[in-house]
Amino acid sequence: MLVEPVQETQALEMSEFQQQVLAVPEKFDLFLGGGRGGGKSYGLALLALVHAEQYREKARILYLRQSFPGVADFVALTRELFGTIYGAAASYNAASHVWTLPSGAYFEINQLETPADYQKYQGRSFSLLLIDEAGQWPDPQLLDMLRSNLRGPEGVPVRVAMAANPGGVGHHWLALRYVFKASPWVPFLEDTSTRRFVYCPSLYSDNKFIDQESYRRQVEAGTATDPELGRAWLEGDWAIARGAYFGPVLEESRNCVDPWPIPEQNPDYWRFARRAHYEPQRGGHSFYGGAPRVRNRWDLSLAYDHGSAKPAVCFVSAEARDDLEGPDGRHYRKGSIVLIDELATNEPGTLNTGMQYTVPSIAEEIKEMCTRWDIRPSGVADDSIFAKHGSGSGSIGDEFKRCGVYFRPARKKDRVASWETMRRMLADAGSVDSPGLYIARNCEYFWATVPYLERDPRRVEDVDTRGPDHAADAARYGCIAWWRQWSSQKFRLA
């Protein structure tokens, strides 16, 4: 453990967790990331109080939540805290969202939801930045921008302290950056900011100022339909795919497969995989039940979700045209889909921000991936890329065609119905009777995003689109294409 608890004072009671947070040296930034009810927000208020008293008129503190209702909760908390310490000597201006403190420190409590909101902070300087409920931001882009505002006078260190619970639309990037880097209370280097952080977890059971048994019952009742979420909130476990839309059907042991070798690495297998075989077709008078047609044993094609400001994702999808053993030695039921390679244009360090690539740039990347697999660059894509721009250039689909990449519309049915098709295939992976959906380990963007996607709070049968759902969408389009062929009986599952 990095620190020992500091002594409590008679004037202000603190939990052991809050004492430990205050004892972490100022040279380290903080991520307060345990379960709910652990006293993290009060810990942020205590950090503001200590910073204000230590650096007085040189201290410039900014506390942020995503929405103003959340801000109101924290204002009430600071009224209680500052009332205990300062009495009437401290006052809060609700119009400017600023505390006037006897020390002369500047303490602003505000919100940040969109890039337009960031304009309020453009060019301003703060020495302490406090971010509460960080999991409400689907990606870290706005919070990363705020680091440019960290500028303190000589002798005043700058610092960031963030608080979040597991779950939430930002679960994935918070866990990736702050939770699994090092043990709790041990400093680690956070790659994006190049700052040293300390992960400080807390649980409701550590908070002596609440009725713990009553709080536990309330959480369990509130998450009765999502027990994984309840367990994540109570146990502070960031490894739980809580509330995850695919949580009940997606498991590493069933759906994750070893990377497949490209044809150049295993030419013998791919000669077999591409050796023509006859497949019956409905109609006609063939002994096989119809006029036979020639098929490869594995049908390789693309499944694509377009993005520019958001990431574009393209999979090489292998569909089993027979009961087969893959190059990884695993048996695949006829009709199974294996996502064997991926292209994702997310900005490094984030999962929900694209690289702003143009269609020609993405097309070149896709063709390079297809060359590795010795396949024609064609497949299914989001229907929206075939909408005409109203200009001579046509649609995005037309632009891809001019660049030598040939997509056809996935012809999406109802979102919920198409998600259910994908969920069913994920659940059937490993079955001896039904085709399943498998994803290779080298599809890193899929595994970094899809397991953590949340349900839409307004439509629980759908995915929360505020999260990085781009890999899920691309995979869904591949499943839709498979289902359309199956249901129209262009091929039959034995």
Protein backbone atom coordinates (compact mmCIF):
# COMPACT_ATOMS: atom_id res chain seq x y z
CA MET A 1 0.00 0.00 0.00
CA LEU A 2 1.34 3.43 -0.92
CA VAL A 3 0.02 5.39 2.07
CA GLU A 4 -1.09 4.97 5.64
CA PRO A 5 -4.29 6.57 6.92
CA VAL A 6 -3.80 10.04 8.44
CA GLN A 7 -5.15 10.98 11.83
CA GLU A 8 -8.77 12.03 12.00
CA THR A 9 -9.62 15.39 13.55
CA GLN A 10 -12.47 16.10 15.91
CA ALA A 11 -13.76 18.90 13.67
CA LEU A 12 -14.11 16.82 10.52
CA GLU A 13 -14.72 13.08 10.36
CA MET A 14 -13.40 11.11 7.42
CA SER A 15 -13.53 7.48 6.39
CA GLU A 16 -10.31 5.50 6.14
CA PHE A 17 -10.59 5.66 2.35
CA GLN A 18 -10.84 9.47 2.39
CA GLN A 19 -7.86 9.71 4.72
CA GLN A 20 -5.81 7.54 2.38
CA VAL A 21 -6.78 9.69 -0.61
CA LEU A 22 -5.65 12.87 1.17
CA ALA A 23 -2.35 11.24 2.10
CA VAL A 24 -1.35 10.43 -1.50
CA PRO A 25 1.48 12.85 -2.47
CA GLU A 26 0.40 15.73 -4.70
CA LYS A 27 2.78 14.70 -7.49
CA PHE A 28 0.39 11.85 -8.32
CA ASP A 29 -2.94 12.25 -10.08
CA LEU A 30 -5.82 10.19 -8.68
CA PHE A 31 -8.47 7.84 -9.98
CA LEU A 32 -11.12 7.14 -7.33
CA GLY A 33 -12.71 4.12 -8.90
CA GLY A 34 -14.40 1.72 -6.51
CA GLY A 35 -18.05 0.74 -6.15
CA ARG A 36 -20.98 2.98 -5.34
CA GLY A 37 -21.48 4.49 -1.92
CA GLY A 38 -17.78 4.56 -1.03
CA GLY A 39 -17.56 8.30 -0.39
CA LYS A 40 -15.70 9.28 -3.57
CA SER A 41 -17.51 12.59 -4.17
CA TYR A 42 -16.91 13.67 -0.59
CA GLY A 43 -13.27 12.70 -1.12
CA LEU A 44 -13.13 15.11 -4.09
CA ALA A 45 -14.60 17.87 -1.92
CA LEU A 46 -11.95 17.21 0.72
CA LEU A 47 -9.21 17.45 -1.91
CA ALA A 48 -10.60 20.84 -2.95
CA LEU A 49 -10.66 22.00 0.67
CA VAL A 50 -7.06 20.95 1.35
CA HIS A 51 -5.81 22.50 -1.92
CA ALA A 52 -7.64 25.77 -1.17
CA GLU A 53 -6.19 26.00 2.32
CA GLN A 54 -2.66 25.06 1.26
CA TYR A 55 -2.31 27.41 -1.72
CA ARG A 56 -4.94 29.99 -0.75
CA GLU A 57 -5.35 32.80 -3.32
CA LYS A 58 -3.10 30.94 -5.81
CA ALA A 59 -5.42 27.93 -5.87
CA ARG A 60 -7.75 27.69 -8.86
CA ILE A 61 -10.04 24.65 -8.65
CA LEU A 62 -12.56 23.35 -11.21
CA TYR A 63 -15.07 20.58 -10.41
CA LEU A 64 -16.99 19.07 -13.33
CA ARG A 65 -19.92 16.76 -13.86
CA GLN A 66 -21.54 16.04 -17.21
CA SER A 67 -24.92 17.56 -16.30
CA PHE A 68 -26.22 20.34 -14.08
CA PRO A 69 -28.44 17.99 -11.98
CA GLY A 70 -25.26 16.18 -10.93
CA VAL A 71 -23.63 19.53 -10.20
CA ALA A 72 -26.51 20.41 -7.86
CA ASP A 73 -25.82 17.28 -5.80
CA PHE A 74 -22.20 18.26 -5.33
CA VAL A 75 -23.08 21.86 -4.44
CA ALA A 76 -25.26 20.54 -1.61
CA LEU A 77 -22.37 18.37 -0.43
CA THR A 78 -19.93 21.33 -0.40
CA ARG A 79 -22.44 23.50 1.45
CA GLU A 80 -22.42 20.94 4.24
CA LEU A 81 -18.62 20.60 4.24
CA PHE A 82 -17.76 24.31 3.99
CA GLY A 83 -20.48 25.18 6.47
CA THR A 84 -18.76 22.92 9.00
CA ILE A 85 -15.34 24.49 8.35
CA TYR A 86 -16.06 28.15 7.55
CA GLY A 87 -19.61 28.85 8.66
CA ALA A 88 -20.95 32.08 7.13
CA ALA A 89 -17.46 33.10 5.96
CA ALA A 90 -17.90 31.01 2.78
CA SER A 91 -20.59 31.70 0.18
CA TYR A 92 -21.69 30.18 -3.11
CA ASN A 93 -22.85 32.22 -6.12
CA ALA A 94 -25.36 30.05 -7.99
CA ALA A 95 -25.23 32.30 -11.07
CA SER A 96 -21.46 32.04 -11.59
CA HIS A 97 -21.16 28.57 -9.94
CA VAL A 98 -18.25 29.84 -7.84
CA TRP A 99 -17.47 29.50 -4.14
CA THR A 100 -16.02 32.49 -2.30
CA LEU A 101 -13.73 31.07 0.37
CA PRO A 102 -11.95 32.88 3.24
CA SER A 103 -8.60 31.65 1.91
CA GLY A 104 -9.08 33.58 -1.33
CA ALA A 105 -9.00 30.37 -3.42
CA TYR A 106 -11.12 30.17 -6.58
CA PHE A 107 -13.44 27.13 -6.67
CA GLU A 108 -15.81 26.70 -9.62
CA ILE A 109 -18.44 23.92 -9.88
CA ASN A 110 -19.68 23.46 -13.43
CA GLN A 111 -20.62 20.98 -16.17
CA LEU A 112 -19.14 19.71 -19.44
CA GLU A 113 -21.18 17.66 -21.88
CA THR A 114 -20.36 18.73 -25.43
CA PRO A 115 -17.47 20.38 -27.30
CA ALA A 116 -19.54 23.59 -27.23
CA ASP A 117 -19.47 23.49 -23.41
CA TYR A 118 -15.67 23.39 -23.50
CA GLN A 119 -15.65 26.95 -24.84
CA LYS A 120 -16.41 28.10 -21.29
CA TYR A 121 -12.95 26.94 -20.24
CA GLN A 122 -10.96 27.86 -23.34
CA GLY A 123 -7.81 29.79 -22.37
CA ARG A 124 -8.44 29.58 -18.62
CA SER A 125 -6.05 28.13 -16.04
CA PHE A 126 -6.69 25.75 -13.15
CA SER A 127 -4.36 24.15 -10.65
CA LEU A 128 -6.71 21.34 -9.54
CA LEU A 129 -9.18 19.61 -11.86
CA LEU A 130 -11.84 17.40 -10.26
CA ILE A 131 -13.91 15.11 -12.53
CA ASP A 132 -16.86 13.31 -10.92
CA GLU A 133 -18.84 10.41 -12.42
CA ALA A 134 -16.30 10.17 -15.24
CA GLY A 135 -18.06 7.06 -16.56
CA GLN A 136 -20.81 9.29 -17.95
CA TRP A 137 -18.46 10.45 -20.74
CA PRO A 138 -18.48 7.85 -23.56
CA ASP A 139 -14.88 8.68 -24.47
CA PRO A 140 -12.09 10.74 -22.88
CA GLN A 141 -11.73 13.34 -25.63
CA LEU A 142 -13.28 16.30 -23.78
CA LEU A 143 -11.57 15.45 -20.51
CA ASP A 144 -8.23 15.13 -22.28
CA MET A 145 -8.71 18.59 -23.78
CA LEU A 146 -9.06 20.03 -20.28
CA ARG A 147 -5.48 19.07 -19.50
CA SER A 148 -4.40 22.07 -21.56
CA ASN A 149 -6.04 24.20 -18.83
CA LEU A 150 -3.80 22.83 -16.08
CA ARG A 151 -1.45 25.71 -15.38
CA GLY A 152 -0.52 26.78 -11.89
CA PRO A 153 1.52 29.69 -10.52
CA GLU A 154 5.06 28.99 -9.41
CA GLY A 155 5.05 26.75 -6.37
CA VAL A 156 1.55 25.38 -6.99
CA PRO A 157 1.50 21.83 -8.42
CA VAL A 158 -1.18 20.95 -10.95
CA ARG A 159 -3.27 17.83 -10.41
CA VAL A 160 -6.23 15.84 -11.73
CA ALA A 161 -8.52 13.71 -9.56
CA MET A 162 -11.25 11.63 -11.22
CA ALA A 163 -14.02 9.55 -9.68
CA ALA A 164 -16.18 6.88 -11.32
CA ASN A 165 -18.10 3.69 -10.64
CA PRO A 166 -17.77 0.54 -12.75
CA GLY A 167 -20.45 0.43 -15.39
CA GLY A 168 -21.57 3.45 -17.32
CA VAL A 169 -21.00 4.24 -20.95
CA GLY A 170 -17.34 5.11 -20.26
CA HIS A 171 -16.54 1.87 -18.41
CA HIS A 172 -14.27 0.57 -21.18
CA TRP A 173 -11.82 3.48 -21.43
CA LEU A 174 -11.65 4.06 -17.68
CA ALA A 175 -10.84 0.41 -17.02
CA LEU A 176 -8.26 0.41 -19.80
CA ARG A 177 -6.50 3.57 -18.61
CA TYR A 178 -6.68 3.44 -14.83
CA VAL A 179 -7.84 0.15 -13.32
CA PHE A 180 -5.76 -2.64 -14.83
CA LYS A 181 -2.43 -0.79 -14.98
CA ALA A 182 -1.27 -1.51 -11.41
CA SER A 183 -2.45 -2.67 -8.00
CA PRO A 184 -4.55 -0.24 -5.92
CA TRP A 185 -2.57 2.55 -4.22
CA VAL A 186 0.54 1.81 -6.32
CA PRO A 187 1.66 4.60 -8.74
CA PHE A 188 1.68 3.88 -12.49
CA LEU A 189 2.33 5.82 -15.69
CA GLU A 190 -0.78 6.69 -17.67
CA ASP A 191 0.28 6.64 -21.32
CA THR A 192 -1.97 9.33 -22.81
CA SER A 193 -1.23 12.08 -20.29
CA THR A 194 2.27 10.77 -19.39
CA ARG A 195 1.31 11.53 -15.78
CA ARG A 196 1.73 9.27 -12.77
CA PHE A 197 -1.62 8.08 -11.40
CA VAL A 198 -2.75 6.17 -8.32
CA TYR A 199 -5.86 3.98 -8.42
CA CYS A 200 -7.83 4.48 -5.18
CA PRO A 201 -10.76 2.04 -4.85
CA SER A 202 -13.51 2.21 -2.25
CA LEU A 203 -16.63 0.19 -1.38
CA TYR A 204 -19.90 1.01 0.34
CA SER A 205 -18.81 -1.37 3.10
CA ASP A 206 -15.88 0.96 3.85
CA ASN A 207 -18.18 3.96 4.38
CA LYS A 208 -19.10 4.17 8.06
CA PHE A 209 -21.32 7.20 7.48
CA ILE A 210 -24.12 5.31 5.70
CA ASP A 211 -26.48 2.52 6.71
CA GLN A 212 -24.57 -0.16 4.84
CA GLU A 213 -27.19 -2.90 5.01
CA SER A 214 -29.94 -0.57 3.82
CA TYR A 215 -27.73 0.71 1.00
CA ARG A 216 -26.93 -2.83 -0.13
CA ARG A 217 -30.63 -3.72 -0.27
CA GLN A 218 -31.39 -0.58 -2.29
CA VAL A 219 -28.69 -1.38 -4.86
CA GLU A 220 -29.82 -5.01 -5.15
CA ALA A 221 -33.44 -3.94 -5.62
CA GLY A 222 -32.48 -1.32 -8.20
CA THR A 223 -30.46 -3.84 -10.23
CA ALA A 224 -32.73 -6.87 -9.86
CA THR A 225 -32.93 -7.26 -13.64
CA ASP A 226 -29.19 -6.76 -14.05
CA PRO A 227 -27.40 -8.66 -11.26
CA GLU A 228 -23.98 -8.18 -12.88
CA LEU A 229 -24.43 -4.43 -12.61
CA GLY A 230 -25.45 -4.79 -8.97
CA ARG A 231 -22.40 -6.89 -8.22
CA ALA A 232 -20.12 -4.40 -9.98
CA TRP A 233 -21.54 -1.51 -7.95
CA LEU A 234 -21.34 -3.35 -4.64
CA GLU A 235 -17.97 -5.06 -5.15
CA GLY A 236 -16.31 -2.37 -7.25
CA ASP A 237 -15.22 -5.01 -9.77
CA TRP A 238 -14.25 -3.45 -13.11
CA ALA A 239 -13.71 -6.89 -14.67
CA ILE A 240 -17.44 -7.60 -14.57
CA ALA A 241 -19.15 -6.99 -17.90
CA ARG A 242 -21.91 -5.33 -15.95
CA GLY A 243 -25.12 -4.37 -17.58
CA ALA A 244 -23.42 -5.36 -20.79
CA TYR A 245 -25.76 -5.87 -23.70
CA PHE A 246 -23.86 -8.98 -24.79
CA GLY A 247 -22.94 -10.09 -21.25
CA PRO A 248 -25.19 -13.20 -21.15
CA VAL A 249 -24.11 -14.47 -24.60
CA LEU A 250 -20.47 -13.42 -25.09
CA GLU A 251 -17.76 -15.44 -23.36
CA GLU A 252 -14.07 -15.58 -24.10
CA SER A 253 -13.98 -19.36 -23.62
CA ARG A 254 -16.67 -19.94 -26.30
CA ASN A 255 -16.44 -17.03 -28.73
CA CYS A 256 -12.75 -16.14 -28.77
CA VAL A 257 -10.52 -18.13 -31.14
CA ASP A 258 -6.82 -18.04 -31.89
CA PRO A 259 -5.70 -15.88 -34.82
CA TRP A 260 -5.99 -17.62 -38.16
CA PRO A 261 -2.94 -17.84 -40.44
CA ILE A 262 -3.13 -15.93 -43.70
CA PRO A 263 -2.86 -18.04 -46.90
CA GLU A 264 0.83 -17.23 -47.22
CA GLN A 265 1.49 -18.76 -43.77
CA ASN A 266 -0.56 -21.94 -44.29
CA PRO A 267 -0.99 -22.54 -48.04
CA ASP A 268 -1.97 -26.20 -47.62
CA TYR A 269 -5.00 -25.41 -45.48
CA TRP A 270 -6.20 -22.60 -47.72
CA ARG A 271 -5.87 -24.77 -50.85
CA PHE A 272 -8.27 -27.17 -49.12
CA ALA A 273 -10.53 -24.35 -47.95
CA ARG A 274 -10.84 -22.97 -51.45
CA ARG A 275 -11.17 -26.29 -53.23
CA ALA A 276 -14.52 -26.32 -55.02
CA HIS A 277 -17.24 -28.61 -53.74
CA TYR A 278 -20.83 -29.12 -54.84
CA GLU A 279 -23.69 -27.74 -52.80
CA PRO A 280 -27.34 -28.56 -53.54
CA GLN A 281 -29.63 -25.80 -54.65
CA ARG A 282 -33.40 -25.78 -54.47
CA GLY A 283 -35.26 -26.50 -57.70
CA GLY A 284 -34.19 -28.48 -60.77
CA HIS A 285 -33.96 -32.24 -61.08
CA SER A 286 -30.54 -33.11 -59.74
CA PHE A 287 -30.01 -36.28 -57.73
CA TYR A 288 -28.85 -33.91 -54.97
CA GLY A 289 -32.22 -32.18 -54.82
CA GLY A 290 -31.45 -29.37 -57.20
CA ALA A 291 -28.97 -28.08 -59.70
CA PRO A 292 -25.63 -28.16 -57.87
CA ARG A 293 -23.44 -25.10 -57.71
CA VAL A 294 -19.79 -24.67 -56.81
CA ARG A 295 -18.85 -23.17 -53.45
CA ASN A 296 -15.65 -22.66 -51.50
CA ARG A 297 -15.64 -24.39 -48.15
CA TRP A 298 -14.92 -21.04 -46.47
CA ASP A 299 -16.58 -17.96 -47.94
CA LEU A 300 -14.50 -14.87 -47.05
CA SER A 301 -15.99 -11.40 -47.40
CA LEU A 302 -16.12 -8.00 -45.66
CA ALA A 303 -18.48 -6.53 -43.07
CA TYR A 304 -18.10 -2.76 -42.72
CA ASP A 305 -19.38 0.09 -40.52
CA HIS A 306 -18.41 3.51 -41.86
CA GLY A 307 -17.03 6.37 -39.81
CA SER A 308 -14.82 9.42 -40.07
CA ALA A 309 -15.22 11.50 -36.90
CA LYS A 310 -16.15 8.16 -35.33
CA PRO A 311 -14.08 5.03 -36.04
CA ALA A 312 -14.67 2.99 -39.17
CA VAL A 313 -14.52 -0.78 -38.59
CA CYS A 314 -14.14 -3.50 -41.22
CA PHE A 315 -13.95 -7.24 -40.58
CA VAL A 316 -12.84 -10.09 -42.78
CA SER A 317 -15.65 -12.54 -42.15
CA ALA A 318 -15.22 -16.26 -42.87
CA GLU A 319 -18.45 -18.23 -43.29
CA ALA A 320 -18.36 -22.04 -43.08
CA ARG A 321 -20.11 -23.63 -46.07
CA ASP A 322 -19.75 -27.06 -44.51
CA ASP A 323 -18.97 -28.64 -41.15
CA LEU A 324 -15.27 -27.83 -41.03
CA GLU A 325 -12.15 -27.86 -38.96
CA GLY A 326 -10.56 -24.44 -39.05
CA PRO A 327 -6.83 -23.75 -39.35
CA ASP A 328 -6.88 -23.27 -35.57
CA GLY A 329 -7.96 -26.90 -35.07
CA ARG A 330 -11.44 -25.96 -33.84
CA HIS A 331 -14.57 -27.56 -35.31
CA TYR A 332 -17.07 -25.15 -36.85
CA ARG A 333 -20.69 -26.00 -37.59
CA LYS A 334 -21.90 -25.26 -41.10
CA GLY A 335 -23.12 -21.67 -41.32
CA SER A 336 -20.80 -20.42 -38.57
CA ILE A 337 -19.15 -17.02 -38.96
CA VAL A 338 -15.59 -16.29 -37.83
CA LEU A 339 -14.30 -12.71 -37.75
CA ILE A 340 -10.67 -13.39 -38.61
CA ASP A 341 -9.22 -9.90 -39.14
CA GLU A 342 -10.18 -6.31 -38.47
CA LEU A 343 -9.43 -2.75 -39.50
CA ALA A 344 -10.37 -0.04 -36.97
CA THR A 345 -9.61 3.65 -37.53
CA ASN A 346 -9.93 4.78 -33.91
CA GLU A 347 -7.58 7.47 -32.65
CA PRO A 348 -4.79 5.95 -30.50
CA GLY A 349 -5.69 6.06 -26.82
CA THR A 350 -9.43 6.36 -27.44
CA LEU A 351 -12.13 3.97 -28.62
CA ASN A 352 -14.87 6.30 -29.81
CA THR A 353 -12.96 8.90 -31.82
CA GLY A 354 -12.06 8.38 -35.47
CA MET A 355 -8.94 9.42 -37.36
CA GLN A 356 -10.97 11.52 -39.84
CA TYR A 357 -9.86 9.29 -42.72
CA THR A 358 -11.31 9.94 -46.17
CA VAL A 359 -12.95 7.17 -48.20
CA PRO A 360 -9.88 6.71 -50.44
CA SER A 361 -7.66 6.32 -47.38
CA ILE A 362 -9.98 3.74 -45.78
CA ALA A 363 -10.33 1.94 -49.11
CA GLU A 364 -6.56 1.56 -49.40
CA GLU A 365 -6.39 0.07 -45.89
CA ILE A 366 -9.22 -2.33 -46.72
CA LYS A 367 -7.59 -3.45 -49.97
CA GLU A 368 -4.31 -4.06 -48.14
CA MET A 369 -6.16 -6.27 -45.63
CA CYS A 370 -7.87 -8.15 -48.47
CA THR A 371 -4.53 -8.72 -50.18
CA ARG A 372 -3.28 -10.47 -47.04
CA TRP A 373 -6.23 -12.86 -47.26
CA ASP A 374 -6.17 -13.16 -51.05
CA ILE A 375 -9.81 -12.12 -51.41
CA ARG A 376 -11.77 -9.65 -53.50
CA PRO A 377 -12.52 -6.42 -51.54
CA SER A 378 -16.29 -6.81 -51.35
CA GLY A 379 -18.97 -7.42 -48.76
CA VAL A 380 -21.80 -5.79 -46.81
CA ALA A 381 -21.95 -2.36 -45.24
CA ASP A 382 -24.27 -0.03 -43.38
CA ASP A 383 -27.24 0.96 -45.54
CA SER A 384 -26.60 4.66 -44.83
CA ILE A 385 -23.45 4.81 -46.97
CA PHE A 386 -25.60 4.24 -50.07
CA ALA A 387 -27.64 7.40 -49.53
CA LYS A 388 -27.04 9.94 -52.28
CA HIS A 389 -25.26 13.15 -51.25
CA GLY A 390 -27.21 15.28 -53.66
CA SER A 391 -24.01 16.03 -55.55
CA GLY A 392 -22.25 14.63 -58.57
CA SER A 393 -20.09 12.40 -56.36
CA GLY A 394 -23.05 10.16 -55.52
CA SER A 395 -22.95 8.17 -52.28
CA ILE A 396 -20.16 7.00 -50.01
CA GLY A 397 -20.77 3.54 -51.44
CA ASP A 398 -20.13 4.96 -54.91
CA GLU A 399 -16.86 6.51 -53.67
CA PHE A 400 -15.73 3.12 -52.37
CA LYS A 401 -16.61 1.53 -55.72
CA ARG A 402 -14.48 4.08 -57.56
CA CYS A 403 -11.64 3.17 -55.20
CA GLY A 404 -11.99 -0.55 -55.97
CA VAL A 405 -13.94 -1.65 -52.84
CA TYR A 406 -17.38 -3.08 -53.55
CA PHE A 407 -20.03 -3.00 -50.84
CA ARG A 408 -23.69 -3.93 -50.98
CA PRO A 409 -26.31 -2.79 -48.45
CA ALA A 410 -26.71 -4.99 -45.38
CA ARG A 411 -30.45 -4.27 -45.71
CA LYS A 412 -30.85 -3.88 -42.00
CA LYS A 413 -34.08 -5.04 -40.52
CA ASP A 414 -35.31 -3.67 -37.20
CA ARG A 415 -32.31 -2.89 -34.95
CA VAL A 416 -33.58 -5.03 -32.09
CA ALA A 417 -34.29 -7.98 -34.39
CA SER A 418 -30.84 -7.76 -35.98
CA TRP A 419 -29.16 -7.52 -32.57
CA GLU A 420 -31.09 -10.62 -31.55
CA THR A 421 -29.71 -12.48 -34.58
CA MET A 422 -26.18 -11.59 -33.52
CA ARG A 423 -26.84 -12.47 -29.87
CA ARG A 424 -28.25 -15.85 -30.87
CA MET A 425 -25.18 -16.65 -32.95
CA LEU A 426 -22.88 -15.62 -30.09
CA ALA A 427 -24.83 -17.84 -27.70
CA ASP A 428 -24.69 -20.80 -30.14
CA ALA A 429 -20.91 -20.71 -30.50
CA GLY A 430 -19.54 -24.14 -29.59
CA SER A 431 -22.84 -25.89 -30.22
CA VAL A 432 -22.77 -29.11 -32.24
CA ASP A 433 -26.21 -28.37 -33.66
CA SER A 434 -26.23 -24.66 -34.54
CA PRO A 435 -23.90 -22.21 -36.28
CA GLY A 436 -22.19 -19.69 -34.05
CA LEU A 437 -20.32 -16.40 -34.18
CA TYR A 438 -16.61 -16.48 -33.31
CA ILE A 439 -14.07 -13.67 -33.10
CA ALA A 440 -10.28 -14.04 -33.39
CA ARG A 441 -8.08 -12.60 -30.67
CA ASN A 442 -6.33 -10.32 -33.14
CA CYS A 443 -9.62 -8.41 -33.58
CA GLU A 444 -8.48 -6.17 -30.72
CA TYR A 445 -10.97 -3.35 -31.23
CA PHE A 446 -13.86 -5.81 -31.02
CA TRP A 447 -12.61 -7.23 -27.72
CA ALA A 448 -11.88 -3.78 -26.32
CA THR A 449 -15.42 -2.51 -26.98
CA VAL A 450 -18.17 -5.06 -27.62
CA PRO A 451 -18.03 -6.91 -24.25
CA TYR A 452 -18.61 -3.59 -22.44
CA LEU A 453 -21.40 -2.08 -24.52
CA GLU A 454 -24.38 -1.07 -22.40
CA ARG A 455 -28.07 -1.38 -22.96
CA ASP A 456 -29.89 1.75 -24.03
CA PRO A 457 -31.50 3.06 -20.80
CA ARG A 458 -34.56 4.15 -22.81
CA ARG A 459 -34.84 0.93 -24.82
CA VAL A 460 -33.28 -1.99 -23.00
CA GLU A 461 -33.53 -4.27 -26.05
CA ASP A 462 -31.10 -2.00 -27.93
CA VAL A 463 -27.44 -1.02 -27.55
CA ASP A 464 -26.57 2.36 -26.04
CA THR A 465 -25.28 4.20 -29.11
CA ARG A 466 -23.31 6.70 -27.00
CA GLY A 467 -20.72 3.97 -26.50
CA PRO A 468 -18.22 2.64 -29.08
CA ASP A 469 -20.67 0.38 -30.91
CA HIS A 470 -18.86 0.45 -34.28
CA ALA A 471 -17.34 -3.05 -34.13
CA ALA A 472 -20.68 -4.42 -32.93
CA ASP A 473 -22.45 -2.78 -35.86
CA ALA A 474 -19.99 -4.20 -38.40
CA ALA A 475 -20.36 -7.68 -36.91
CA ARG A 476 -24.14 -7.26 -36.93
CA TYR A 477 -24.13 -6.49 -40.65
CA GLY A 478 -22.24 -9.72 -41.29
CA CYS A 479 -24.80 -11.66 -39.25
CA ILE A 480 -27.69 -9.99 -41.09
CA ALA A 481 -26.24 -11.04 -44.43
CA TRP A 482 -25.87 -14.61 -43.17
CA TRP A 483 -29.43 -14.65 -41.85
CA ARG A 484 -30.86 -13.29 -45.09
CA GLN A 485 -29.18 -16.08 -47.06
CA TRP A 486 -30.32 -18.72 -44.59
CA SER A 487 -33.91 -17.55 -44.39
CA SER A 488 -34.23 -17.30 -48.18
CA GLN A 489 -32.80 -20.84 -48.38
CA LYS A 490 -30.05 -19.96 -50.82
CA PHE A 491 -28.16 -22.53 -48.82
CA ARG A 492 -29.42 -24.97 -46.20
CA LEU A 493 -27.98 -25.92 -42.84
CA ALA A 494 -27.68 -29.68 -42.56
